[in-house]
Amino acid sequence: MYRIKPVKPILKSYPSLNPKNLNSDNSPHKGRKITVYNSKFVESLMRAYVMAIGHNVLQKNQMKIGQRYAILQSALVQSPIYKLVFII
């Protein structure tokens, strides 16, 4: 098996990922800093894991994350399809 070069971090290209203060009164974590991810970042992350599963390059401890992303991705794709079917 061949060795894969480490991937450079991509977080620098997403400036909106700076930690933000949580100001919800109902949250037990009020006042903590949380990282907010936009949908484009989450989609890219899910796609990368699913593609890595397809190419069989994930480590053993990463496979579970990739499998869950594949399930989530297929569930997210179904929602717009169901709406299209009911509209037509």
PDB file of N, CA and C in Angstrom:
ATOM      1  N   MET A   1       0.844  -1.184   0.000  1.00  0.00           N
ATOM      2  CA  MET A   1       0.000   0.000   0.000  1.00  0.00           C
ATOM      3  C   MET A   1       0.888   1.246   0.000  1.00  0.00           C
ATOM      4  N   TYR A   2       0.467   2.248  -0.694  1.00  0.00           N
ATOM      5  CA  TYR A   2       1.246   3.472  -0.781  1.00  0.00           C
ATOM      6  C   TYR A   2       0.890   4.441   0.339  1.00  0.00           C
ATOM      7  N   ARG A   3       1.801   5.315   0.642  1.00  0.00           N
ATOM      8  CA  ARG A   3       1.614   6.288   1.716  1.00  0.00           C
ATOM      9  C   ARG A   3       1.058   7.586   1.136  1.00  0.00           C
ATOM     10  N   ILE A   4       0.095   8.165   1.803  1.00  0.00           N
ATOM     11  CA  ILE A   4      -0.544   9.395   1.344  1.00  0.00           C
ATOM     12  C   ILE A   4       0.126  10.583   2.019  1.00  0.00           C
ATOM     13  N   LYS A   5       0.358  11.622   1.245  1.00  0.00           N
ATOM     14  CA  LYS A   5       0.940  12.840   1.808  1.00  0.00           C
ATOM     15  C   LYS A   5      -0.109  13.542   2.673  1.00  0.00           C
ATOM     16  N   PRO A   6       0.320  14.182   3.757  1.00  0.00           N
ATOM     17  CA  PRO A   6      -0.644  14.894   4.601  1.00  0.00           C
ATOM     18  C   PRO A   6      -1.306  16.034   3.831  1.00  0.00           C
ATOM     19  N   VAL A   7      -2.564  16.253   4.135  1.00  0.00           N
ATOM     20  CA  VAL A   7      -3.327  17.313   3.492  1.00  0.00           C
ATOM     21  C   VAL A   7      -3.098  18.614   4.252  1.00  0.00           C
ATOM     22  N   LYS A   8      -2.905  19.686   3.522  1.00  0.00           N
ATOM     23  CA  LYS A   8      -2.725  20.991   4.161  1.00  0.00           C
ATOM     24  C   LYS A   8      -4.063  21.450   4.741  1.00  0.00           C
ATOM     25  N   PRO A   9      -4.038  22.168   5.848  1.00  0.00           N
ATOM     26  CA  PRO A   9      -5.293  22.649   6.433  1.00  0.00           C
ATOM     27  C   PRO A   9      -6.012  23.600   5.487  1.00  0.00           C
ATOM     28  N   ILE A  10      -7.334  23.472   5.436  1.00  0.00           N
ATOM     29  CA  ILE A  10      -8.126  24.348   4.566  1.00  0.00           C
ATOM     30  C   ILE A  10      -8.876  25.407   5.360  1.00  0.00           C
ATOM     31  N   LEU A  11      -8.724  25.393   6.663  1.00  0.00           N
ATOM     32  CA  LEU A  11      -9.480  26.331   7.485  1.00  0.00           C
ATOM     33  C   LEU A  11      -9.106  27.786   7.233  1.00  0.00           C
ATOM     34  N   LYS A  12      -7.912  28.050   6.754  1.00  0.00           N
ATOM     35  CA  LYS A  12      -7.506  29.430   6.502  1.00  0.00           C
ATOM     36  C   LYS A  12      -8.337  30.056   5.389  1.00  0.00           C
ATOM     37  N   SER A  13      -8.877  29.219   4.494  1.00  0.00           N
ATOM     38  CA  SER A  13      -9.669  29.758   3.391  1.00  0.00           C
ATOM     39  C   SER A  13     -11.115  30.042   3.796  1.00  0.00           C
ATOM     40  N   TYR A  14     -11.458  29.772   5.040  1.00  0.00           N
ATOM     41  CA  TYR A  14     -12.803  30.028   5.536  1.00  0.00           C
ATOM     42  C   TYR A  14     -12.722  30.995   6.717  1.00  0.00           C
ATOM     43  N   PRO A  15     -12.617  32.291   6.467  1.00  0.00           N
ATOM     44  CA  PRO A  15     -12.443  33.244   7.568  1.00  0.00           C
ATOM     45  C   PRO A  15     -13.649  33.327   8.499  1.00  0.00           C
ATOM     46  N   SER A  16     -14.825  32.859   8.059  1.00  0.00           N
ATOM     47  CA  SER A  16     -16.009  32.952   8.909  1.00  0.00           C
ATOM     48  C   SER A  16     -16.014  31.879   9.994  1.00  0.00           C
ATOM     49  N   LEU A  17     -14.969  31.039  10.062  1.00  0.00           N
ATOM     50  CA  LEU A  17     -14.928  29.971  11.035  1.00  0.00           C
ATOM     51  C   LEU A  17     -14.279  30.380  12.350  1.00  0.00           C
ATOM     52  N   ASN A  18     -14.111  31.670  12.564  1.00  0.00           N
ATOM     53  CA  ASN A  18     -13.549  32.135  13.832  1.00  0.00           C
ATOM     54  C   ASN A  18     -14.525  31.822  14.957  1.00  0.00           C
ATOM     55  N   PRO A  19     -14.008  31.438  16.121  1.00  0.00           N
ATOM     56  CA  PRO A  19     -14.907  31.142  17.246  1.00  0.00           C
ATOM     57  C   PRO A  19     -15.770  32.353  17.612  1.00  0.00           C
ATOM     58  N   LYS A  20     -17.017  32.073  17.926  1.00  0.00           N
ATOM     59  CA  LYS A  20     -17.978  33.117  18.307  1.00  0.00           C
ATOM     60  C   LYS A  20     -18.480  32.816  19.715  1.00  0.00           C
ATOM     61  N   ASN A  21     -18.871  33.844  20.433  1.00  0.00           N
ATOM     62  CA  ASN A  21     -19.435  33.650  21.763  1.00  0.00           C
ATOM     63  C   ASN A  21     -20.867  33.160  21.656  1.00  0.00           C
ATOM     64  N   LEU A  22     -21.212  32.175  22.485  1.00  0.00           N
ATOM     65  CA  LEU A  22     -22.567  31.639  22.517  1.00  0.00           C
ATOM     66  C   LEU A  22     -23.374  32.469  23.486  1.00  0.00           C
ATOM     67  N   ASN A  23     -24.446  33.094  23.001  1.00  0.00           N
ATOM     68  CA  ASN A  23     -25.229  34.011  23.828  1.00  0.00           C
ATOM     69  C   ASN A  23     -26.653  33.533  24.071  1.00  0.00           C
ATOM     70  N   SER A  24     -26.912  32.243  23.941  1.00  0.00           N
ATOM     71  CA  SER A  24     -28.256  31.717  24.141  1.00  0.00           C
ATOM     72  C   SER A  24     -28.538  31.557  25.635  1.00  0.00           C
ATOM     73  N   ASP A  25     -29.654  32.123  26.086  1.00  0.00           N
ATOM     74  CA  ASP A  25     -30.014  32.025  27.504  1.00  0.00           C
ATOM     75  C   ASP A  25     -30.375  30.590  27.893  1.00  0.00           C
ATOM     76  N   ASN A  26     -30.880  29.803  26.944  1.00  0.00           N
ATOM     77  CA  ASN A  26     -31.331  28.449  27.249  1.00  0.00           C
ATOM     78  C   ASN A  26     -30.207  27.416  27.213  1.00  0.00           C
ATOM     79  N   SER A  27     -29.030  27.803  26.797  1.00  0.00           N
ATOM     80  CA  SER A  27     -27.938  26.840  26.651  1.00  0.00           C
ATOM     81  C   SER A  27     -27.118  26.739  27.935  1.00  0.00           C
ATOM     82  N   PRO A  28     -26.785  25.502  28.333  1.00  0.00           N
ATOM     83  CA  PRO A  28     -25.907  25.361  29.496  1.00  0.00           C
ATOM     84  C   PRO A  28     -24.470  25.775  29.176  1.00  0.00           C
ATOM     85  N   HIS A  29     -24.187  26.001  27.915  1.00  0.00           N
ATOM     86  CA  HIS A  29     -22.843  26.388  27.483  1.00  0.00           C
ATOM     87  C   HIS A  29     -22.734  27.886  27.206  1.00  0.00           C
ATOM     88  N   LYS A  30     -23.652  28.663  27.742  1.00  0.00           N
ATOM     89  CA  LYS A  30     -23.665  30.110  27.511  1.00  0.00           C
ATOM     90  C   LYS A  30     -22.330  30.728  27.910  1.00  0.00           C
ATOM     91  N   GLY A  31     -21.824  31.601  27.039  1.00  0.00           N
ATOM     92  CA  GLY A  31     -20.580  32.285  27.301  1.00  0.00           C
ATOM     93  C   GLY A  31     -19.358  31.592  26.714  1.00  0.00           C
ATOM     94  N   ARG A  32     -19.503  30.346  26.299  1.00  0.00           N
ATOM     95  CA  ARG A  32     -18.382  29.631  25.691  1.00  0.00           C
ATOM     96  C   ARG A  32     -18.215  30.055  24.244  1.00  0.00           C
ATOM     97  N   LYS A  33     -17.024  29.867  23.740  1.00  0.00           N
ATOM     98  CA  LYS A  33     -16.766  30.147  22.330  1.00  0.00           C
ATOM     99  C   LYS A  33     -17.028  28.876  21.533  1.00  0.00           C
ATOM    100  N   ILE A  34     -17.788  29.018  20.459  1.00  0.00           N
ATOM    101  CA  ILE A  34     -18.076  27.885  19.582  1.00  0.00           C
ATOM    102  C   ILE A  34     -17.649  28.253  18.164  1.00  0.00           C
ATOM    103  N   THR A  35     -17.378  27.245  17.373  1.00  0.00           N
ATOM    104  CA  THR A  35     -17.028  27.458  15.977  1.00  0.00           C
ATOM    105  C   THR A  35     -18.259  27.222  15.134  1.00  0.00           C
ATOM    106  N   VAL A  36     -18.593  28.174  14.292  1.00  0.00           N
ATOM    107  CA  VAL A  36     -19.760  28.080  13.421  1.00  0.00           C
ATOM    108  C   VAL A  36     -19.270  27.766  12.016  1.00  0.00           C
ATOM    109  N   TYR A  37     -19.771  26.677  11.448  1.00  0.00           N
ATOM    110  CA  TYR A  37     -19.381  26.266  10.103  1.00  0.00           C
ATOM    111  C   TYR A  37     -20.497  26.604   9.126  1.00  0.00           C
ATOM    112  N   ASN A  38     -20.124  27.143   7.975  1.00  0.00           N
ATOM    113  CA  ASN A  38     -21.148  27.414   6.968  1.00  0.00           C
ATOM    114  C   ASN A  38     -21.426  26.146   6.170  1.00  0.00           C
ATOM    115  N   SER A  39     -22.510  26.140   5.414  1.00  0.00           N
ATOM    116  CA  SER A  39     -22.951  24.934   4.719  1.00  0.00           C
ATOM    117  C   SER A  39     -21.955  24.490   3.651  1.00  0.00           C
ATOM    118  N   LYS A  40     -21.282  25.427   3.027  1.00  0.00           N
ATOM    119  CA  LYS A  40     -20.311  25.064   1.991  1.00  0.00           C
ATOM    120  C   LYS A  40     -19.148  24.268   2.588  1.00  0.00           C
ATOM    121  N   PHE A  41     -18.705  24.667   3.774  1.00  0.00           N
ATOM    122  CA  PHE A  41     -17.623  23.956   4.443  1.00  0.00           C
ATOM    123  C   PHE A  41     -18.062  22.544   4.831  1.00  0.00           C
ATOM    124  N   VAL A  42     -19.252  22.416   5.398  1.00  0.00           N
ATOM    125  CA  VAL A  42     -19.754  21.109   5.824  1.00  0.00           C
ATOM    126  C   VAL A  42     -19.923  20.192   4.613  1.00  0.00           C
ATOM    127  N   GLU A  43     -20.452  20.731   3.526  1.00  0.00           N
ATOM    128  CA  GLU A  43     -20.624  19.943   2.308  1.00  0.00           C
ATOM    129  C   GLU A  43     -19.273  19.465   1.773  1.00  0.00           C
ATOM    130  N   SER A  44     -18.279  20.334   1.775  1.00  0.00           N
ATOM    131  CA  SER A  44     -16.944  19.961   1.301  1.00  0.00           C
ATOM    132  C   SER A  44     -16.328  18.874   2.174  1.00  0.00           C
ATOM    133  N   LEU A  45     -16.512  18.990   3.470  1.00  0.00           N
ATOM    134  CA  LEU A  45     -15.977  18.007   4.396  1.00  0.00           C
ATOM    135  C   LEU A  45     -16.636  16.643   4.187  1.00  0.00           C
ATOM    136  N   MET A  46     -17.959  16.638   4.051  1.00  0.00           N
ATOM    137  CA  MET A  46     -18.672  15.382   3.823  1.00  0.00           C
ATOM    138  C   MET A  46     -18.253  14.753   2.502  1.00  0.00           C
ATOM    139  N   ARG A  47     -18.154  15.553   1.463  1.00  0.00           N
ATOM    140  CA  ARG A  47     -17.756  15.034   0.154  1.00  0.00           C
ATOM    141  C   ARG A  47     -16.352  14.442   0.200  1.00  0.00           C
ATOM    142  N   ALA A  48     -15.444  15.092   0.903  1.00  0.00           N
ATOM    143  CA  ALA A  48     -14.071  14.595   1.002  1.00  0.00           C
ATOM    144  C   ALA A  48     -14.028  13.231   1.679  1.00  0.00           C
ATOM    145  N   TYR A  49     -14.770  13.059   2.768  1.00  0.00           N
ATOM    146  CA  TYR A  49     -14.790  11.771   3.452  1.00  0.00           C
ATOM    147  C   TYR A  49     -15.416  10.682   2.585  1.00  0.00           C
ATOM    148  N   VAL A  50     -16.522  10.996   1.918  1.00  0.00           N
ATOM    149  CA  VAL A  50     -17.188   9.997   1.082  1.00  0.00           C
ATOM    150  C   VAL A  50     -16.292   9.597  -0.092  1.00  0.00           C
ATOM    151  N   MET A  51     -15.626  10.564  -0.701  1.00  0.00           N
ATOM    152  CA  MET A  51     -14.701  10.244  -1.798  1.00  0.00           C
ATOM    153  C   MET A  51     -13.525   9.409  -1.290  1.00  0.00           C
ATOM    154  N   ALA A  52     -13.050   9.707  -0.089  1.00  0.00           N
ATOM    155  CA  ALA A  52     -11.945   8.945   0.488  1.00  0.00           C
ATOM    156  C   ALA A  52     -12.352   7.506   0.768  1.00  0.00           C
ATOM    157  N   ILE A  53     -13.606   7.283   1.164  1.00  0.00           N
ATOM    158  CA  ILE A  53     -14.094   5.914   1.341  1.00  0.00           C
ATOM    159  C   ILE A  53     -14.055   5.189   0.002  1.00  0.00           C
ATOM    160  N   GLY A  54     -14.528   5.856  -1.037  1.00  0.00           N
ATOM    161  CA  GLY A  54     -14.553   5.257  -2.366  1.00  0.00           C
ATOM    162  C   GLY A  54     -13.172   4.892  -2.881  1.00  0.00           C
ATOM    163  N   HIS A  55     -12.173   5.639  -2.490  1.00  0.00           N
ATOM    164  CA  HIS A  55     -10.802   5.375  -2.929  1.00  0.00           C
ATOM    165  C   HIS A  55     -10.029   4.525  -1.920  1.00  0.00           C
ATOM    166  N   ASN A  56     -10.723   4.147  -0.831  1.00  0.00           N
ATOM    167  CA  ASN A  56     -10.146   3.267   0.190  1.00  0.00           C
ATOM    168  C   ASN A  56      -8.841   3.827   0.775  1.00  0.00           C
ATOM    169  N   VAL A  57      -8.861   5.106   1.132  1.00  0.00           N
ATOM    170  CA  VAL A  57      -7.660   5.735   1.676  1.00  0.00           C
ATOM    171  C   VAL A  57      -7.812   6.218   3.123  1.00  0.00           C
ATOM    172  N   LEU A  58      -8.950   5.942   3.743  1.00  0.00           N
ATOM    173  CA  LEU A  58      -9.141   6.373   5.127  1.00  0.00           C
ATOM    174  C   LEU A  58      -8.473   5.400   6.089  1.00  0.00           C
ATOM    175  N   GLN A  59      -8.007   5.943   7.193  1.00  0.00           N
ATOM    176  CA  GLN A  59      -7.476   5.111   8.262  1.00  0.00           C
ATOM    177  C   GLN A  59      -8.650   4.414   8.952  1.00  0.00           C
ATOM    178  N   LYS A  60      -8.339   3.400   9.729  1.00  0.00           N
ATOM    179  CA  LYS A  60      -9.379   2.621  10.395  1.00  0.00           C
ATOM    180  C   LYS A  60     -10.260   3.498  11.289  1.00  0.00           C
ATOM    181  N   ASN A  61      -9.638   4.426  12.007  1.00  0.00           N
ATOM    182  CA  ASN A  61     -10.403   5.282  12.912  1.00  0.00           C
ATOM    183  C   ASN A  61     -11.208   6.358  12.175  1.00  0.00           C
ATOM    184  N   GLN A  62     -10.944   6.579  10.886  1.00  0.00           N
ATOM    185  CA  GLN A  62     -11.687   7.570  10.113  1.00  0.00           C
ATOM    186  C   GLN A  62     -12.874   6.956   9.368  1.00  0.00           C
ATOM    187  N   MET A  63     -12.886   5.639   9.234  1.00  0.00           N
ATOM    188  CA  MET A  63     -13.934   4.975   8.460  1.00  0.00           C
ATOM    189  C   MET A  63     -15.321   5.223   9.034  1.00  0.00           C
ATOM    190  N   LYS A  64     -15.461   5.210  10.348  1.00  0.00           N
ATOM    191  CA  LYS A  64     -16.772   5.406  10.968  1.00  0.00           C
ATOM    192  C   LYS A  64     -17.308   6.805  10.660  1.00  0.00           C
ATOM    193  N   ILE A  65     -16.434   7.797  10.710  1.00  0.00           N
ATOM    194  CA  ILE A  65     -16.846   9.165  10.375  1.00  0.00           C
ATOM    195  C   ILE A  65     -17.295   9.218   8.918  1.00  0.00           C
ATOM    196  N   GLY A  66     -16.518   8.618   8.036  1.00  0.00           N
ATOM    197  CA  GLY A  66     -16.861   8.605   6.620  1.00  0.00           C
ATOM    198  C   GLY A  66     -18.178   7.901   6.346  1.00  0.00           C
ATOM    199  N   GLN A  67     -18.423   6.799   7.038  1.00  0.00           N
ATOM    200  CA  GLN A  67     -19.682   6.072   6.856  1.00  0.00           C
ATOM    201  C   GLN A  67     -20.865   6.909   7.322  1.00  0.00           C
ATOM    202  N   ARG A  68     -20.709   7.591   8.429  1.00  0.00           N
ATOM    203  CA  ARG A  68     -21.812   8.440   8.923  1.00  0.00           C
ATOM    204  C   ARG A  68     -22.069   9.618   7.991  1.00  0.00           C
ATOM    205  N   TYR A  69     -20.997  10.182   7.426  1.00  0.00           N
ATOM    206  CA  TYR A  69     -21.178  11.260   6.455  1.00  0.00           C
ATOM    207  C   TYR A  69     -21.885  10.762   5.207  1.00  0.00           C
ATOM    208  N   ALA A  70     -21.588   9.535   4.778  1.00  0.00           N
ATOM    209  CA  ALA A  70     -22.252   8.973   3.600  1.00  0.00           C
ATOM    210  C   ALA A  70     -23.743   8.809   3.856  1.00  0.00           C
ATOM    211  N   ILE A  71     -24.106   8.340   5.048  1.00  0.00           N
ATOM    212  CA  ILE A  71     -25.522   8.189   5.404  1.00  0.00           C
ATOM    213  C   ILE A  71     -26.196   9.555   5.469  1.00  0.00           C
ATOM    214  N   LEU A  72     -25.550  10.512   6.104  1.00  0.00           N
ATOM    215  CA  LEU A  72     -26.113  11.855   6.210  1.00  0.00           C
ATOM    216  C   LEU A  72     -26.270  12.497   4.840  1.00  0.00           C
ATOM    217  N   GLN A  73     -25.281  12.316   3.996  1.00  0.00           N
ATOM    218  CA  GLN A  73     -25.321  12.900   2.664  1.00  0.00           C
ATOM    219  C   GLN A  73     -26.486  12.328   1.859  1.00  0.00           C
ATOM    220  N   SER A  74     -26.694  11.025   1.940  1.00  0.00           N
ATOM    221  CA  SER A  74     -27.804  10.434   1.195  1.00  0.00           C
ATOM    222  C   SER A  74     -29.148  10.898   1.747  1.00  0.00           C
ATOM    223  N   ALA A  75     -29.241  11.103   3.056  1.00  0.00           N
ATOM    224  CA  ALA A  75     -30.483  11.602   3.644  1.00  0.00           C
ATOM    225  C   ALA A  75     -30.756  13.042   3.210  1.00  0.00           C
ATOM    226  N   LEU A  76     -29.700  13.858   3.131  1.00  0.00           N
ATOM    227  CA  LEU A  76     -29.878  15.248   2.714  1.00  0.00           C
ATOM    228  C   LEU A  76     -30.265  15.357   1.245  1.00  0.00           C
ATOM    229  N   VAL A  77     -29.830  14.422   0.432  1.00  0.00           N
ATOM    230  CA  VAL A  77     -30.180  14.433  -0.991  1.00  0.00           C
ATOM    231  C   VAL A  77     -31.643  14.051  -1.179  1.00  0.00           C
ATOM    232  N   GLN A  78     -32.165  13.188  -0.323  1.00  0.00           N
ATOM    233  CA  GLN A  78     -33.534  12.723  -0.475  1.00  0.00           C
ATOM    234  C   GLN A  78     -34.560  13.834  -0.265  1.00  0.00           C
ATOM    235  N   SER A  79     -34.288  14.764   0.634  1.00  0.00           N
ATOM    236  CA  SER A  79     -35.265  15.817   0.940  1.00  0.00           C
ATOM    237  C   SER A  79     -35.674  16.632  -0.276  1.00  0.00           C
ATOM    238  N   PRO A  80     -34.729  17.177  -1.056  1.00  0.00           N
ATOM    239  CA  PRO A  80     -35.149  17.937  -2.235  1.00  0.00           C
ATOM    240  C   PRO A  80     -35.829  17.060  -3.289  1.00  0.00           C
ATOM    241  N   ILE A  81     -35.434  15.799  -3.395  1.00  0.00           N
ATOM    242  CA  ILE A  81     -36.066  14.911  -4.360  1.00  0.00           C
ATOM    243  C   ILE A  81     -37.511  14.682  -3.986  1.00  0.00           C
ATOM    244  N   TYR A  82     -37.801  14.466  -2.710  1.00  0.00           N
ATOM    245  CA  TYR A  82     -39.185  14.285  -2.277  1.00  0.00           C
ATOM    246  C   TYR A  82     -40.018  15.525  -2.567  1.00  0.00           C
ATOM    247  N   LYS A  83     -39.447  16.700  -2.360  1.00  0.00           N
ATOM    248  CA  LYS A  83     -40.180  17.935  -2.659  1.00  0.00           C
ATOM    249  C   LYS A  83     -40.483  18.036  -4.143  1.00  0.00           C
ATOM    250  N   LEU A  84     -39.527  17.682  -4.987  1.00  0.00           N
ATOM    251  CA  LEU A  84     -39.747  17.724  -6.438  1.00  0.00           C
ATOM    252  C   LEU A  84     -40.855  16.769  -6.856  1.00  0.00           C
ATOM    253  N   VAL A  85     -40.866  15.584  -6.280  1.00  0.00           N
ATOM    254  CA  VAL A  85     -41.880  14.593  -6.639  1.00  0.00           C
ATOM    255  C   VAL A  85     -43.269  15.084  -6.259  1.00  0.00           C
ATOM    256  N   PHE A  86     -43.401  15.699  -5.100  1.00  0.00           N
ATOM    257  CA  PHE A  86     -44.709  16.166  -4.660  1.00  0.00           C
ATOM    258  C   PHE A  86     -45.158  17.415  -5.423  1.00  0.00           C
ATOM    259  N   ILE A  87     -44.226  18.197  -5.937  1.00  0.00           N
ATOM    260  CA  ILE A  87     -44.580  19.387  -6.707  1.00  0.00           C
ATOM    261  C   ILE A  87     -45.102  18.969  -8.084  1.00  0.00           C
ATOM    262  N   ILE A  88     -44.454  17.984  -8.677  1.00  0.00           N
ATOM    263  CA  ILE A  88     -44.829  17.538 -10.030  1.00  0.00           C
ATOM    264  C   ILE A  88     -46.034  16.712  -9.950  1.00  0.00           C
TER     265      ILE A  88
END
